[in-house]
Amino acid sequence: MPQAVKAGSCGCAAAFGATESLKACGIPEAKSNAVAGTPGLLSVRDYLANGWNTLVF
């Protein structure tokens, strides 16, 4: 089975208190978009540009 989770958004994890849970699960934090007031957000555009199928909920 292919890996379903590639990374978690660093900014979203920080906002929802899930940073330690990401680390505990071994999921790397992604912060490819610099957004003021956040530690960085995941870039969905980068995944789409590289041919990934993404699910955002």
C-alpha atoms as a PDB file:
ATOM      1  CA  MET A   1       0.000   0.000   0.000  1.00  0.00           C
ATOM      2  CA  PRO A   2       1.412   3.442  -0.869  1.00  0.00           C
ATOM      3  CA  GLN A   3       2.147   5.863   1.917  1.00  0.00           C
ATOM      4  CA  ALA A   4      -1.022   7.883   2.507  1.00  0.00           C
ATOM      5  CA  VAL A   5       0.467  10.654   4.647  1.00  0.00           C
ATOM      6  CA  LYS A   6       3.542  12.430   3.334  1.00  0.00           C
ATOM      7  CA  ALA A   7       3.682  15.291   5.867  1.00  0.00           C
ATOM      8  CA  GLY A   8       1.602  17.462   8.165  1.00  0.00           C
ATOM      9  CA  SER A   9       1.283  21.224   7.952  1.00  0.00           C
ATOM     10  CA  CYS A  10       3.482  22.773  10.628  1.00  0.00           C
ATOM     11  CA  GLY A  11       1.181  25.792  11.002  1.00  0.00           C
ATOM     12  CA  CYS A  12      -1.989  23.707  11.246  1.00  0.00           C
ATOM     13  CA  ALA A  13      -0.402  21.379  13.790  1.00  0.00           C
ATOM     14  CA  ALA A  14       0.639  24.387  15.892  1.00  0.00           C
ATOM     15  CA  ALA A  15      -2.815  26.003  15.649  1.00  0.00           C
ATOM     16  CA  PHE A  16      -4.622  22.826  16.708  1.00  0.00           C
ATOM     17  CA  GLY A  17      -2.112  21.638  19.315  1.00  0.00           C
ATOM     18  CA  ALA A  18      -1.018  18.591  17.335  1.00  0.00           C
ATOM     19  CA  THR A  19       2.715  19.250  16.945  1.00  0.00           C
ATOM     20  CA  GLU A  20       3.730  16.633  19.525  1.00  0.00           C
ATOM     21  CA  SER A  21       1.304  14.106  18.026  1.00  0.00           C
ATOM     22  CA  LEU A  22       2.873  14.533  14.583  1.00  0.00           C
ATOM     23  CA  LYS A  23       6.302  13.926  16.089  1.00  0.00           C
ATOM     24  CA  ALA A  24       5.059  10.899  18.063  1.00  0.00           C
ATOM     25  CA  CYS A  25       3.676   9.348  14.858  1.00  0.00           C
ATOM     26  CA  GLY A  26       6.868  10.061  12.927  1.00  0.00           C
ATOM     27  CA  ILE A  27       5.086  12.361  10.474  1.00  0.00           C
ATOM     28  CA  PRO A  28       7.411  15.100   9.196  1.00  0.00           C
ATOM     29  CA  GLU A  29       6.279  18.715   9.455  1.00  0.00           C
ATOM     30  CA  ALA A  30       5.945  20.614   6.180  1.00  0.00           C
ATOM     31  CA  LYS A  31       6.372  24.367   6.111  1.00  0.00           C
ATOM     32  CA  SER A  32       7.033  25.257   2.489  1.00  0.00           C
ATOM     33  CA  ASN A  33       4.834  28.392   2.570  1.00  0.00           C
ATOM     34  CA  ALA A  34       6.057  31.210   4.777  1.00  0.00           C
ATOM     35  CA  VAL A  35       2.986  32.896   6.267  1.00  0.00           C
ATOM     36  CA  ALA A  36       3.370  35.707   8.788  1.00  0.00           C
ATOM     37  CA  GLY A  37       2.349  34.735  12.305  1.00  0.00           C
ATOM     38  CA  THR A  38       2.755  30.985  11.655  1.00  0.00           C
ATOM     39  CA  PRO A  39       5.686  28.568  11.744  1.00  0.00           C
ATOM     40  CA  GLY A  40       4.944  27.876   8.049  1.00  0.00           C
ATOM     41  CA  LEU A  41       2.235  26.054   6.110  1.00  0.00           C
ATOM     42  CA  LEU A  42       2.202  23.124   3.740  1.00  0.00           C
ATOM     43  CA  SER A  43       2.000  24.008   0.031  1.00  0.00           C
ATOM     44  CA  VAL A  44      -0.774  21.999  -1.601  1.00  0.00           C
ATOM     45  CA  ARG A  45       0.175  23.644  -4.901  1.00  0.00           C
ATOM     46  CA  ASP A  46       3.612  21.984  -4.806  1.00  0.00           C
ATOM     47  CA  TYR A  47       2.021  18.551  -4.482  1.00  0.00           C
ATOM     48  CA  LEU A  48      -0.465  19.193  -7.301  1.00  0.00           C
ATOM     49  CA  ALA A  49       2.325  20.507  -9.556  1.00  0.00           C
ATOM     50  CA  ASN A  50       4.222  17.265  -8.956  1.00  0.00           C
ATOM     51  CA  GLY A  51       1.300  15.058  -9.966  1.00  0.00           C
ATOM     52  CA  TRP A  52       0.042  14.067  -6.517  1.00  0.00           C
ATOM     53  CA  ASN A  53      -3.644  13.457  -5.899  1.00  0.00           C
ATOM     54  CA  THR A  54      -4.507  15.408  -2.798  1.00  0.00           C
ATOM     55  CA  LEU A  55      -7.372  15.317  -0.344  1.00  0.00           C
ATOM     56  CA  VAL A  56      -7.964  18.449   1.696  1.00  0.00           C
ATOM     57  CA  PHE A  57     -10.588  18.407   4.403  1.00  0.00           C
END
